[in-house]
Amino acid sequence: MRLLAAFASAALCGSILAGCGGSGAGGAAAGTTRNDLAATACEVYAKGQLGDKTYKLDHAALAASMKDAGDGASRLSSPITIEPGLSSESKQSLECSVRFVAGKDAPDVLSMQFIWQ
């Protein structure tokens, strides 16, 4: 009976995804719109720039900030906290520029800046 309950729970979790662990770029809603795709590309790029440093970035705020740059690119910006809770914590603004290219799932990151506040 317990095995059956475990399978039922797994099936329910698989169909609802949002309530079964994790949030952020890998969540059920992430990557479903151009804004989400752009924010995810920026987050991946930022992680590469920050290496093993921890950080806190609001994916929804970054996605919502997307604006047309007028040259075929889009700009996104959001606050980012690098090494939150540590003595070396720094609050900055992340500015990211992306361009969507036909035939590619994710946009290309054109530039990224971390701006001290």
PDB file of N, CA and C in Angstrom:
ATOM      1  N   MET A   1       0.814  -1.192   0.000  1.00  0.00           N
ATOM      2  CA  MET A   1       0.000   0.000   0.000  1.00  0.00           C
ATOM      3  C   MET A   1       0.862   1.262   0.000  1.00  0.00           C
ATOM      4  N   ARG A   2       1.949   1.230   0.785  1.00  0.00           N
ATOM      5  CA  ARG A   2       2.829   2.398   0.830  1.00  0.00           C
ATOM      6  C   ARG A   2       3.480   2.637  -0.528  1.00  0.00           C
ATOM      7  N   LEU A   3       3.830   1.563  -1.212  1.00  0.00           N
ATOM      8  CA  LEU A   3       4.428   1.679  -2.528  1.00  0.00           C
ATOM      9  C   LEU A   3       3.460   2.349  -3.493  1.00  0.00           C
ATOM     10  N   LEU A   4       2.199   1.966  -3.428  1.00  0.00           N
ATOM     11  CA  LEU A   4       1.178   2.568  -4.267  1.00  0.00           C
ATOM     12  C   LEU A   4       1.030   4.052  -3.949  1.00  0.00           C
ATOM     13  N   ALA A   5       1.068   4.414  -2.682  1.00  0.00           N
ATOM     14  CA  ALA A   5       0.974   5.820  -2.280  1.00  0.00           C
ATOM     15  C   ALA A   5       2.175   6.609  -2.796  1.00  0.00           C
ATOM     16  N   ALA A   6       3.355   5.990  -2.767  1.00  0.00           N
ATOM     17  CA  ALA A   6       4.554   6.667  -3.262  1.00  0.00           C
ATOM     18  C   ALA A   6       4.448   6.928  -4.766  1.00  0.00           C
ATOM     19  N   PHE A   7       3.963   5.934  -5.524  1.00  0.00           N
ATOM     20  CA  PHE A   7       3.784   6.118  -6.958  1.00  0.00           C
ATOM     21  C   PHE A   7       2.746   7.193  -7.259  1.00  0.00           C
ATOM     22  N   ALA A   8       1.658   7.208  -6.512  1.00  0.00           N
ATOM     23  CA  ALA A   8       0.623   8.221  -6.709  1.00  0.00           C
ATOM     24  C   ALA A   8       1.162   9.598  -6.419  1.00  0.00           C
ATOM     25  N   SER A   9       1.958   9.718  -5.363  1.00  0.00           N
ATOM     26  CA  SER A   9       2.561  11.004  -5.011  1.00  0.00           C
ATOM     27  C   SER A   9       3.520  11.472  -6.100  1.00  0.00           C
ATOM     28  N   ALA A  10       4.328  10.550  -6.617  1.00  0.00           N
ATOM     29  CA  ALA A  10       5.269  10.894  -7.685  1.00  0.00           C
ATOM     30  C   ALA A  10       4.533  11.317  -8.944  1.00  0.00           C
ATOM     31  N   ALA A  11       3.450  10.642  -9.267  1.00  0.00           N
ATOM     32  CA  ALA A  11       2.675  11.000 -10.458  1.00  0.00           C
ATOM     33  C   ALA A  11       2.042  12.373 -10.299  1.00  0.00           C
ATOM     34  N   LEU A  12       1.518  12.651  -9.107  1.00  0.00           N
ATOM     35  CA  LEU A  12       0.917  13.962  -8.842  1.00  0.00           C
ATOM     36  C   LEU A  12       1.975  15.044  -8.918  1.00  0.00           C
ATOM     37  N   CYS A  13       3.126  14.786  -8.325  1.00  0.00           N
ATOM     38  CA  CYS A  13       4.215  15.751  -8.341  1.00  0.00           C
ATOM     39  C   CYS A  13       4.655  16.016  -9.778  1.00  0.00           C
ATOM     40  N   GLY A  14       4.740  14.985 -10.584  1.00  0.00           N
ATOM     41  CA  GLY A  14       5.144  15.146 -11.975  1.00  0.00           C
ATOM     42  C   GLY A  14       4.160  15.964 -12.779  1.00  0.00           C
ATOM     43  N   SER A  15       2.874  15.923 -12.410  1.00  0.00           N
ATOM     44  CA  SER A  15       1.885  16.674 -13.179  1.00  0.00           C
ATOM     45  C   SER A  15       1.713  18.099 -12.677  1.00  0.00           C
ATOM     46  N   ILE A  16       2.147  18.364 -11.456  1.00  0.00           N
ATOM     47  CA  ILE A  16       1.966  19.698 -10.899  1.00  0.00           C
ATOM     48  C   ILE A  16       3.276  20.470 -10.854  1.00  0.00           C
ATOM     49  N   LEU A  17       4.406  19.854 -10.896  1.00  0.00           N
ATOM     50  CA  LEU A  17       5.753  20.413 -10.900  1.00  0.00           C
ATOM     51  C   LEU A  17       5.974  21.620  -9.996  1.00  0.00           C
ATOM     52  N   ALA A  18       5.175  22.642 -10.099  1.00  0.00           N
ATOM     53  CA  ALA A  18       5.435  23.871  -9.359  1.00  0.00           C
ATOM     54  C   ALA A  18       5.456  23.647  -7.862  1.00  0.00           C
ATOM     55  N   GLY A  19       4.692  22.725  -7.345  1.00  0.00           N
ATOM     56  CA  GLY A  19       4.647  22.513  -5.917  1.00  0.00           C
ATOM     57  C   GLY A  19       5.605  21.445  -5.427  1.00  0.00           C
ATOM     58  N   CYS A  20       6.455  20.899  -6.271  1.00  0.00           N
ATOM     59  CA  CYS A  20       7.272  19.760  -5.876  1.00  0.00           C
ATOM     60  C   CYS A  20       8.758  20.040  -5.994  1.00  0.00           C
ATOM     61  N   GLY A  21       9.195  21.077  -5.314  1.00  0.00           N
ATOM     62  CA  GLY A  21      10.626  21.317  -5.203  1.00  0.00           C
ATOM     63  C   GLY A  21      11.148  22.366  -6.132  1.00  0.00           C
ATOM     64  N   GLY A  22      12.044  23.150  -5.563  1.00  0.00           N
ATOM     65  CA  GLY A  22      12.809  24.112  -6.331  1.00  0.00           C
ATOM     66  C   GLY A  22      12.030  25.290  -6.841  1.00  0.00           C
ATOM     67  N   SER A  23      12.781  26.302  -7.177  1.00  0.00           N
ATOM     68  CA  SER A  23      12.239  27.497  -7.815  1.00  0.00           C
ATOM     69  C   SER A  23      13.354  28.093  -8.631  1.00  0.00           C
ATOM     70  N   GLY A  24      13.119  29.207  -9.262  1.00  0.00           N
ATOM     71  CA  GLY A  24      14.157  29.845 -10.050  1.00  0.00           C
ATOM     72  C   GLY A  24      14.133  29.367 -11.482  1.00  0.00           C
ATOM     73  N   ALA A  25      15.304  29.372 -12.110  1.00  0.00           N
ATOM     74  CA  ALA A  25      15.383  29.103 -13.534  1.00  0.00           C
ATOM     75  C   ALA A  25      14.888  27.720 -13.918  1.00  0.00           C
ATOM     76  N   GLY A  26      14.957  26.755 -13.025  1.00  0.00           N
ATOM     77  CA  GLY A  26      14.525  25.407 -13.366  1.00  0.00           C
ATOM     78  C   GLY A  26      13.084  25.140 -13.022  1.00  0.00           C
ATOM     79  N   GLY A  27      12.358  26.111 -12.508  1.00  0.00           N
ATOM     80  CA  GLY A  27      10.971  25.917 -12.099  1.00  0.00           C
ATOM     81  C   GLY A  27      10.047  25.719 -13.272  1.00  0.00           C
ATOM     82  N   ALA A  28       8.805  25.385 -12.989  1.00  0.00           N
ATOM     83  CA  ALA A  28       7.851  25.065 -14.037  1.00  0.00           C
ATOM     84  C   ALA A  28       7.564  26.250 -14.941  1.00  0.00           C
ATOM     85  N   ALA A  29       7.566  27.469 -14.405  1.00  0.00           N
ATOM     86  CA  ALA A  29       7.217  28.631 -15.208  1.00  0.00           C
ATOM     87  C   ALA A  29       8.415  29.231 -15.931  1.00  0.00           C
ATOM     88  N   ALA A  30       9.618  28.897 -15.495  1.00  0.00           N
ATOM     89  CA  ALA A  30      10.810  29.489 -16.094  1.00  0.00           C
ATOM     90  C   ALA A  30      10.967  29.048 -17.540  1.00  0.00           C
ATOM     91  N   GLY A  31      11.388  29.978 -18.378  1.00  0.00           N
ATOM     92  CA  GLY A  31      11.682  29.646 -19.753  1.00  0.00           C
ATOM     93  C   GLY A  31      10.484  29.563 -20.665  1.00  0.00           C
ATOM     94  N   THR A  32       9.323  30.018 -20.221  1.00  0.00           N
ATOM     95  CA  THR A  32       8.131  29.876 -21.041  1.00  0.00           C
ATOM     96  C   THR A  32       7.854  31.102 -21.911  1.00  0.00           C
ATOM     97  N   THR A  33       8.462  32.225 -21.616  1.00  0.00           N
ATOM     98  CA  THR A  33       8.265  33.430 -22.427  1.00  0.00           C
ATOM     99  C   THR A  33       9.626  33.968 -22.862  1.00  0.00           C
ATOM    100  N   ARG A  34       9.617  34.899 -23.794  1.00  0.00           N
ATOM    101  CA  ARG A  34      10.869  35.534 -24.230  1.00  0.00           C
ATOM    102  C   ARG A  34      11.557  36.206 -23.047  1.00  0.00           C
ATOM    103  N   ASN A  35      10.772  36.840 -22.185  1.00  0.00           N
ATOM    104  CA  ASN A  35      11.354  37.498 -21.014  1.00  0.00           C
ATOM    105  C   ASN A  35      12.051  36.479 -20.115  1.00  0.00           C
ATOM    106  N   ASP A  36      11.387  35.337 -19.881  1.00  0.00           N
ATOM    107  CA  ASP A  36      11.981  34.292 -19.052  1.00  0.00           C
ATOM    108  C   ASP A  36      13.240  33.717 -19.695  1.00  0.00           C
ATOM    109  N   LEU A  37      13.198  33.496 -20.993  1.00  0.00           N
ATOM    110  CA  LEU A  37      14.372  32.978 -21.699  1.00  0.00           C
ATOM    111  C   LEU A  37      15.540  33.953 -21.587  1.00  0.00           C
ATOM    112  N   ALA A  38      15.256  35.240 -21.745  1.00  0.00           N
ATOM    113  CA  ALA A  38      16.305  36.262 -21.644  1.00  0.00           C
ATOM    114  C   ALA A  38      16.868  36.314 -20.226  1.00  0.00           C
ATOM    115  N   ALA A  39      15.986  36.289 -19.222  1.00  0.00           N
ATOM    116  CA  ALA A  39      16.436  36.330 -17.827  1.00  0.00           C
ATOM    117  C   ALA A  39      17.277  35.100 -17.501  1.00  0.00           C
ATOM    118  N   THR A  40      16.872  33.935 -17.987  1.00  0.00           N
ATOM    119  CA  THR A  40      17.634  32.712 -17.741  1.00  0.00           C
ATOM    120  C   THR A  40      19.011  32.802 -18.385  1.00  0.00           C
ATOM    121  N   ALA A  41      19.092  33.306 -19.620  1.00  0.00           N
ATOM    122  CA  ALA A  41      20.386  33.463 -20.286  1.00  0.00           C
ATOM    123  C   ALA A  41      21.291  34.398 -19.488  1.00  0.00           C
ATOM    124  N   CYS A  42      20.719  35.478 -18.962  1.00  0.00           N
ATOM    125  CA  CYS A  42      21.503  36.417 -18.150  1.00  0.00           C
ATOM    126  C   CYS A  42      21.976  35.767 -16.859  1.00  0.00           C
ATOM    127  N   GLU A  43      21.104  34.988 -16.225  1.00  0.00           N
ATOM    128  CA  GLU A  43      21.476  34.311 -14.981  1.00  0.00           C
ATOM    129  C   GLU A  43      22.612  33.314 -15.210  1.00  0.00           C
ATOM    130  N   VAL A  44      22.527  32.546 -16.276  1.00  0.00           N
ATOM    131  CA  VAL A  44      23.573  31.571 -16.592  1.00  0.00           C
ATOM    132  C   VAL A  44      24.896  32.292 -16.831  1.00  0.00           C
ATOM    133  N   TYR A  45      24.848  33.395 -17.559  1.00  0.00           N
ATOM    134  CA  TYR A  45      26.061  34.171 -17.842  1.00  0.00           C
ATOM    135  C   TYR A  45      26.634  34.747 -16.549  1.00  0.00           C
ATOM    136  N   ALA A  46      25.752  35.287 -15.694  1.00  0.00           N
ATOM    137  CA  ALA A  46      26.198  35.856 -14.416  1.00  0.00           C
ATOM    138  C   ALA A  46      26.877  34.794 -13.564  1.00  0.00           C
ATOM    139  N   LYS A  47      26.285  33.607 -13.515  1.00  0.00           N
ATOM    140  CA  LYS A  47      26.877  32.516 -12.733  1.00  0.00           C
ATOM    141  C   LYS A  47      28.276  32.206 -13.237  1.00  0.00           C
ATOM    142  N   GLY A  48      28.463  32.214 -14.538  1.00  0.00           N
ATOM    143  CA  GLY A  48      29.780  31.982 -15.116  1.00  0.00           C
ATOM    144  C   GLY A  48      30.772  33.075 -14.735  1.00  0.00           C
ATOM    145  N   GLN A  49      30.299  34.305 -14.649  1.00  0.00           N
ATOM    146  CA  GLN A  49      31.167  35.415 -14.275  1.00  0.00           C
ATOM    147  C   GLN A  49      31.521  35.391 -12.788  1.00  0.00           C
ATOM    148  N   LEU A  50      30.590  34.940 -11.958  1.00  0.00           N
ATOM    149  CA  LEU A  50      30.793  34.954 -10.514  1.00  0.00           C
ATOM    150  C   LEU A  50      31.514  33.714  -9.992  1.00  0.00           C
ATOM    151  N   GLY A  51      31.639  32.693 -10.820  1.00  0.00           N
ATOM    152  CA  GLY A  51      32.332  31.482 -10.403  1.00  0.00           C
ATOM    153  C   GLY A  51      31.641  30.805  -9.240  1.00  0.00           C
ATOM    154  N   ASP A  52      32.384  30.567  -8.157  1.00  0.00           N
ATOM    155  CA  ASP A  52      31.823  29.850  -7.019  1.00  0.00           C
ATOM    156  C   ASP A  52      31.221  30.771  -5.958  1.00  0.00           C
ATOM    157  N   LYS A  53      31.133  32.066  -6.239  1.00  0.00           N
ATOM    158  CA  LYS A  53      30.507  32.989  -5.285  1.00  0.00           C
ATOM    159  C   LYS A  53      29.000  32.745  -5.253  1.00  0.00           C
ATOM    160  N   THR A  54      28.417  32.851  -4.070  1.00  0.00           N
ATOM    161  CA  THR A  54      26.969  32.746  -3.957  1.00  0.00           C
ATOM    162  C   THR A  54      26.345  34.088  -4.304  1.00  0.00           C
ATOM    163  N   TYR A  55      25.100  34.049  -4.740  1.00  0.00           N
ATOM    164  CA  TYR A  55      24.405  35.291  -5.065  1.00  0.00           C
ATOM    165  C   TYR A  55      22.904  35.089  -4.953  1.00  0.00           C
ATOM    166  N   LYS A  56      22.204  36.204  -4.872  1.00  0.00           N
ATOM    167  CA  LYS A  56      20.742  36.177  -4.824  1.00  0.00           C
ATOM    168  C   LYS A  56      20.244  37.133  -5.898  1.00  0.00           C
ATOM    169  N   LEU A  57      19.413  36.608  -6.800  1.00  0.00           N
ATOM    170  CA  LEU A  57      18.882  37.370  -7.919  1.00  0.00           C
ATOM    171  C   LEU A  57      17.427  36.971  -8.106  1.00  0.00           C
ATOM    172  N   ASP A  58      16.551  37.943  -8.266  1.00  0.00           N
ATOM    173  CA  ASP A  58      15.127  37.684  -8.451  1.00  0.00           C
ATOM    174  C   ASP A  58      14.849  37.485  -9.944  1.00  0.00           C
ATOM    175  N   HIS A  59      14.626  36.228 -10.336  1.00  0.00           N
ATOM    176  CA  HIS A  59      14.394  35.896 -11.746  1.00  0.00           C
ATOM    177  C   HIS A  59      13.181  36.657 -12.305  1.00  0.00           C
ATOM    178  N   ALA A  60      12.099  36.707 -11.544  1.00  0.00           N
ATOM    179  CA  ALA A  60      10.877  37.370 -12.012  1.00  0.00           C
ATOM    180  C   ALA A  60      11.111  38.859 -12.250  1.00  0.00           C
ATOM    181  N   ALA A  61      11.839  39.503 -11.344  1.00  0.00           N
ATOM    182  CA  ALA A  61      12.128  40.938 -11.503  1.00  0.00           C
ATOM    183  C   ALA A  61      13.023  41.173 -12.714  1.00  0.00           C
ATOM    184  N   LEU A  62      14.008  40.304 -12.913  1.00  0.00           N
ATOM    185  CA  LEU A  62      14.897  40.425 -14.066  1.00  0.00           C
ATOM    186  C   LEU A  62      14.099  40.255 -15.357  1.00  0.00           C
ATOM    187  N   ALA A  63      13.240  39.243 -15.416  1.00  0.00           N
ATOM    188  CA  ALA A  63      12.416  39.007 -16.610  1.00  0.00           C
ATOM    189  C   ALA A  63      11.474  40.173 -16.880  1.00  0.00           C
ATOM    190  N   ALA A  64      10.868  40.712 -15.826  1.00  0.00           N
ATOM    191  CA  ALA A  64       9.910  41.811 -15.982  1.00  0.00           C
ATOM    192  C   ALA A  64      10.570  43.106 -16.441  1.00  0.00           C
ATOM    193  N   SER A  65      11.869  43.214 -16.237  1.00  0.00           N
ATOM    194  CA  SER A  65      12.571  44.458 -16.585  1.00  0.00           C
ATOM    195  C   SER A  65      12.937  44.554 -18.066  1.00  0.00           C
ATOM    196  N   MET A  66      12.713  43.504 -18.849  1.00  0.00           N
ATOM    197  CA  MET A  66      13.178  43.482 -20.242  1.00  0.00           C
ATOM    198  C   MET A  66      12.567  44.612 -21.063  1.00  0.00           C
ATOM    199  N   LYS A  67      13.451  45.362 -21.711  1.00  0.00           N
ATOM    200  CA  LYS A  67      13.051  46.489 -22.568  1.00  0.00           C
ATOM    201  C   LYS A  67      13.770  46.367 -23.909  1.00  0.00           C
ATOM    202  N   ASP A  68      13.114  46.822 -24.973  1.00  0.00           N
ATOM    203  CA  ASP A  68      13.710  46.852 -26.300  1.00  0.00           C
ATOM    204  C   ASP A  68      14.799  47.911 -26.320  1.00  0.00           C
ATOM    205  N   ALA A  69      15.984  47.539 -26.772  1.00  0.00           N
ATOM    206  CA  ALA A  69      17.101  48.477 -26.841  1.00  0.00           C
ATOM    207  C   ALA A  69      17.123  49.239 -28.164  1.00  0.00           C
ATOM    208  N   GLY A  70      16.245  48.887 -29.091  1.00  0.00           N
ATOM    209  CA  GLY A  70      16.148  49.613 -30.348  1.00  0.00           C
ATOM    210  C   GLY A  70      17.118  49.172 -31.425  1.00  0.00           C
ATOM    211  N   ASP A  71      18.034  48.285 -31.122  1.00  0.00           N
ATOM    212  CA  ASP A  71      19.012  47.829 -32.106  1.00  0.00           C
ATOM    213  C   ASP A  71      18.929  46.320 -32.322  1.00  0.00           C
ATOM    214  N   GLY A  72      17.751  45.758 -32.051  1.00  0.00           N
ATOM    215  CA  GLY A  72      17.559  44.322 -32.165  1.00  0.00           C
ATOM    216  C   GLY A  72      17.902  43.588 -30.883  1.00  0.00           C
ATOM    217  N   ALA A  73      18.393  44.321 -29.911  1.00  0.00           N
ATOM    218  CA  ALA A  73      18.752  43.734 -28.621  1.00  0.00           C
ATOM    219  C   ALA A  73      17.706  44.120 -27.579  1.00  0.00           C
ATOM    220  N   SER A  74      17.760  43.445 -26.464  1.00  0.00           N
ATOM    221  CA  SER A  74      16.907  43.766 -25.320  1.00  0.00           C
ATOM    222  C   SER A  74      17.789  43.920 -24.105  1.00  0.00           C
ATOM    223  N   ARG A  75      17.401  44.820 -23.211  1.00  0.00           N
ATOM    224  CA  ARG A  75      18.156  45.067 -21.991  1.00  0.00           C
ATOM    225  C   ARG A  75      17.332  44.633 -20.779  1.00  0.00           C
ATOM    226  N   LEU A  76      18.002  44.027 -19.836  1.00  0.00           N
ATOM    227  CA  LEU A  76      17.383  43.609 -18.586  1.00  0.00           C
ATOM    228  C   LEU A  76      18.232  44.128 -17.432  1.00  0.00           C
ATOM    229  N   SER A  77      17.593  44.435 -16.319  1.00  0.00           N
ATOM    230  CA  SER A  77      18.348  44.861 -15.145  1.00  0.00           C
ATOM    231  C   SER A  77      17.590  44.469 -13.883  1.00  0.00           C
ATOM    232  N   SER A  78      18.359  44.227 -12.823  1.00  0.00           N
ATOM    233  CA  SER A  78      17.771  43.825 -11.557  1.00  0.00           C
ATOM    234  C   SER A  78      18.830  43.943 -10.472  1.00  0.00           C
ATOM    235  N   PRO A  79      18.404  44.166  -9.234  1.00  0.00           N
ATOM    236  CA  PRO A  79      19.367  44.111  -8.136  1.00  0.00           C
ATOM    237  C   PRO A  79      19.904  42.690  -7.983  1.00  0.00           C
ATOM    238  N   ILE A  80      21.153  42.590  -7.561  1.00  0.00           N
ATOM    239  CA  ILE A  80      21.777  41.302  -7.272  1.00  0.00           C
ATOM    240  C   ILE A  80      22.593  41.474  -5.996  1.00  0.00           C
ATOM    241  N   THR A  81      22.516  40.502  -5.125  1.00  0.00           N
ATOM    242  CA  THR A  81      23.322  40.503  -3.912  1.00  0.00           C
ATOM    243  C   THR A  81      24.351  39.394  -4.051  1.00  0.00           C
ATOM    244  N   ILE A  82      25.613  39.772  -4.002  1.00  0.00           N
ATOM    245  CA  ILE A  82      26.693  38.811  -4.140  1.00  0.00           C
ATOM    246  C   ILE A  82      27.210  38.466  -2.748  1.00  0.00           C
ATOM    247  N   GLU A  83      27.357  37.190  -2.488  1.00  0.00           N
ATOM    248  CA  GLU A  83      27.760  36.636  -1.204  1.00  0.00           C
ATOM    249  C   GLU A  83      26.847  37.115  -0.068  1.00  0.00           C
ATOM    250  N   PRO A  84      25.516  36.885  -0.228  1.00  0.00           N
ATOM    251  CA  PRO A  84      24.573  37.341   0.800  1.00  0.00           C
ATOM    252  C   PRO A  84      24.860  36.711   2.163  1.00  0.00           C
ATOM    253  N   GLY A  85      24.768  37.551   3.200  1.00  0.00           N
ATOM    254  CA  GLY A  85      24.949  37.083   4.567  1.00  0.00           C
ATOM    255  C   GLY A  85      26.390  36.975   5.027  1.00  0.00           C
ATOM    256  N   LEU A  86      27.341  37.175   4.135  1.00  0.00           N
ATOM    257  CA  LEU A  86      28.756  37.108   4.494  1.00  0.00           C
ATOM    258  C   LEU A  86      29.301  38.511   4.738  1.00  0.00           C
ATOM    259  N   SER A  87      30.456  38.610   5.361  1.00  0.00           N
ATOM    260  CA  SER A  87      31.060  39.921   5.601  1.00  0.00           C
ATOM    261  C   SER A  87      31.440  40.597   4.279  1.00  0.00           C
ATOM    262  N   SER A  88      31.607  39.816   3.227  1.00  0.00           N
ATOM    263  CA  SER A  88      31.963  40.355   1.905  1.00  0.00           C
ATOM    264  C   SER A  88      30.729  40.631   1.035  1.00  0.00           C
ATOM    265  N   GLU A  89      29.524  40.591   1.644  1.00  0.00           N
ATOM    266  CA  GLU A  89      28.288  40.827   0.883  1.00  0.00           C
ATOM    267  C   GLU A  89      28.344  42.173   0.162  1.00  0.00           C
ATOM    268  N   SER A  90      27.897  42.179  -1.093  1.00  0.00           N
ATOM    269  CA  SER A  90      27.789  43.441  -1.831  1.00  0.00           C
ATOM    270  C   SER A  90      26.492  43.461  -2.621  1.00  0.00           C
ATOM    271  N   LYS A  91      25.826  44.590  -2.559  1.00  0.00           N
ATOM    272  CA  LYS A  91      24.586  44.791  -3.311  1.00  0.00           C
ATOM    273  C   LYS A  91      24.950  45.582  -4.559  1.00  0.00           C
ATOM    274  N   GLN A  92      24.547  45.035  -5.693  1.00  0.00           N
ATOM    275  CA  GLN A  92      24.873  45.647  -6.973  1.00  0.00           C
ATOM    276  C   GLN A  92      23.649  45.609  -7.866  1.00  0.00           C
ATOM    277  N   SER A  93      23.764  46.235  -9.010  1.00  0.00           N
ATOM    278  CA  SER A  93      22.756  46.123 -10.061  1.00  0.00           C
ATOM    279  C   SER A  93      23.369  45.304 -11.184  1.00  0.00           C
ATOM    280  N   LEU A  94      22.588  44.396 -11.712  1.00  0.00           N
ATOM    281  CA  LEU A  94      23.005  43.590 -12.847  1.00  0.00           C
ATOM    282  C   LEU A  94      22.337  44.176 -14.083  1.00  0.00           C
ATOM    283  N   GLU A  95      23.122  44.506 -15.087  1.00  0.00           N
ATOM    284  CA  GLU A  95      22.584  44.962 -16.368  1.00  0.00           C
ATOM    285  C   GLU A  95      23.064  44.003 -17.435  1.00  0.00           C
ATOM    286  N   CYS A  96      22.119  43.526 -18.222  1.00  0.00           N
ATOM    287  CA  CYS A  96      22.400  42.486 -19.209  1.00  0.00           C
ATOM    288  C   CYS A  96      21.740  42.856 -20.537  1.00  0.00           C
ATOM    289  N   SER A  97      22.446  42.620 -21.610  1.00  0.00           N
ATOM    290  CA  SER A  97      21.914  42.868 -22.950  1.00  0.00           C
ATOM    291  C   SER A  97      21.919  41.546 -23.713  1.00  0.00           C
ATOM    292  N   VAL A  98      20.773  41.217 -24.330  1.00  0.00           N
ATOM    293  CA  VAL A  98      20.637  39.960 -25.077  1.00  0.00           C
ATOM    294  C   VAL A  98      20.059  40.228 -26.463  1.00  0.00           C
ATOM    295  N   ARG A  99      20.273  39.258 -27.354  1.00  0.00           N
ATOM    296  CA  ARG A  99      19.670  39.323 -28.692  1.00  0.00           C
ATOM    297  C   ARG A  99      19.158  37.943 -29.054  1.00  0.00           C
ATOM    298  N   PHE A 100      17.902  37.890 -29.473  1.00  0.00           N
ATOM    299  CA  PHE A 100      17.323  36.639 -29.944  1.00  0.00           C
ATOM    300  C   PHE A 100      17.734  36.438 -31.399  1.00  0.00           C
ATOM    301  N   VAL A 101      18.129  35.205 -31.725  1.00  0.00           N
ATOM    302  CA  VAL A 101      18.570  34.849 -33.067  1.00  0.00           C
ATOM    303  C   VAL A 101      17.679  33.725 -33.577  1.00  0.00           C
ATOM    304  N   ALA A 102      17.193  33.873 -34.801  1.00  0.00           N
ATOM    305  CA  ALA A 102      16.329  32.848 -35.390  1.00  0.00           C
ATOM    306  C   ALA A 102      17.040  31.496 -35.389  1.00  0.00           C
ATOM    307  N   GLY A 103      16.302  30.455 -35.022  1.00  0.00           N
ATOM    308  CA  GLY A 103      16.839  29.111 -35.025  1.00  0.00           C
ATOM    309  C   GLY A 103      17.510  28.690 -33.729  1.00  0.00           C
ATOM    310  N   LYS A 104      17.637  29.620 -32.773  1.00  0.00           N
ATOM    311  CA  LYS A 104      18.245  29.290 -31.483  1.00  0.00           C
ATOM    312  C   LYS A 104      17.188  29.382 -30.398  1.00  0.00           C
ATOM    313  N   ASP A 105      17.223  28.433 -29.471  1.00  0.00           N
ATOM    314  CA  ASP A 105      16.247  28.418 -28.379  1.00  0.00           C
ATOM    315  C   ASP A 105      16.468  29.552 -27.391  1.00  0.00           C
ATOM    316  N   ALA A 106      17.720  29.825 -27.073  1.00  0.00           N
ATOM    317  CA  ALA A 106      18.036  30.847 -26.075  1.00  0.00           C
ATOM    318  C   ALA A 106      18.703  32.043 -26.755  1.00  0.00           C
ATOM    319  N   PRO A 107      18.507  33.231 -26.204  1.00  0.00           N
ATOM    320  CA  PRO A 107      19.159  34.405 -26.785  1.00  0.00           C
ATOM    321  C   PRO A 107      20.654  34.422 -26.474  1.00  0.00           C
ATOM    322  N   ASP A 108      21.401  35.163 -27.266  1.00  0.00           N
ATOM    323  CA  ASP A 108      22.822  35.378 -27.010  1.00  0.00           C
ATOM    324  C   ASP A 108      22.963  36.537 -26.027  1.00  0.00           C
ATOM    325  N   VAL A 109      23.850  36.390 -25.060  1.00  0.00           N
ATOM    326  CA  VAL A 109      24.160  37.497 -24.153  1.00  0.00           C
ATOM    327  C   VAL A 109      25.227  38.342 -24.833  1.00  0.00           C
ATOM    328  N   LEU A 110      24.904  39.607 -25.063  1.00  0.00           N
ATOM    329  CA  LEU A 110      25.822  40.515 -25.736  1.00  0.00           C
ATOM    330  C   LEU A 110      26.769  41.197 -24.757  1.00  0.00           C
ATOM    331  N   SER A 111      26.238  41.567 -23.596  1.00  0.00           N
ATOM    332  CA  SER A 111      27.073  42.208 -22.593  1.00  0.00           C
ATOM    333  C   SER A 111      26.436  42.074 -21.220  1.00  0.00           C
ATOM    334  N   MET A 112      27.272  42.221 -20.193  1.00  0.00           N
ATOM    335  CA  MET A 112      26.784  42.186 -18.818  1.00  0.00           C
ATOM    336  C   MET A 112      27.660  43.099 -17.986  1.00  0.00           C
ATOM    337  N   GLN A 113      27.004  43.848 -17.095  1.00  0.00           N
ATOM    338  CA  GLN A 113      27.718  44.726 -16.174  1.00  0.00           C
ATOM    339  C   GLN A 113      27.189  44.529 -14.775  1.00  0.00           C
ATOM    340  N   PHE A 114      28.084  44.535 -13.816  1.00  0.00           N
ATOM    341  CA  PHE A 114      27.725  44.565 -12.407  1.00  0.00           C
ATOM    342  C   PHE A 114      28.048  45.975 -11.939  1.00  0.00           C
ATOM    343  N   ILE A 115      27.045  46.696 -11.481  1.00  0.00           N
ATOM    344  CA  ILE A 115      27.219  48.089 -11.102  1.00  0.00           C
ATOM    345  C   ILE A 115      27.078  48.226  -9.590  1.00  0.00           C
ATOM    346  N   TRP A 116      28.129  48.696  -8.947  1.00  0.00           N
ATOM    347  CA  TRP A 116      28.119  48.894  -7.491  1.00  0.00           C
ATOM    348  C   TRP A 116      27.101  49.948  -7.127  1.00  0.00           C
ATOM    349  N   GLN A 117      26.408  49.728  -6.035  1.00  0.00           N
ATOM    350  CA  GLN A 117      25.411  50.703  -5.561  1.00  0.00           C
ATOM    351  C   GLN A 117      26.001  51.540  -4.466  1.00  0.00           C
TER     352      GLN A 117
END
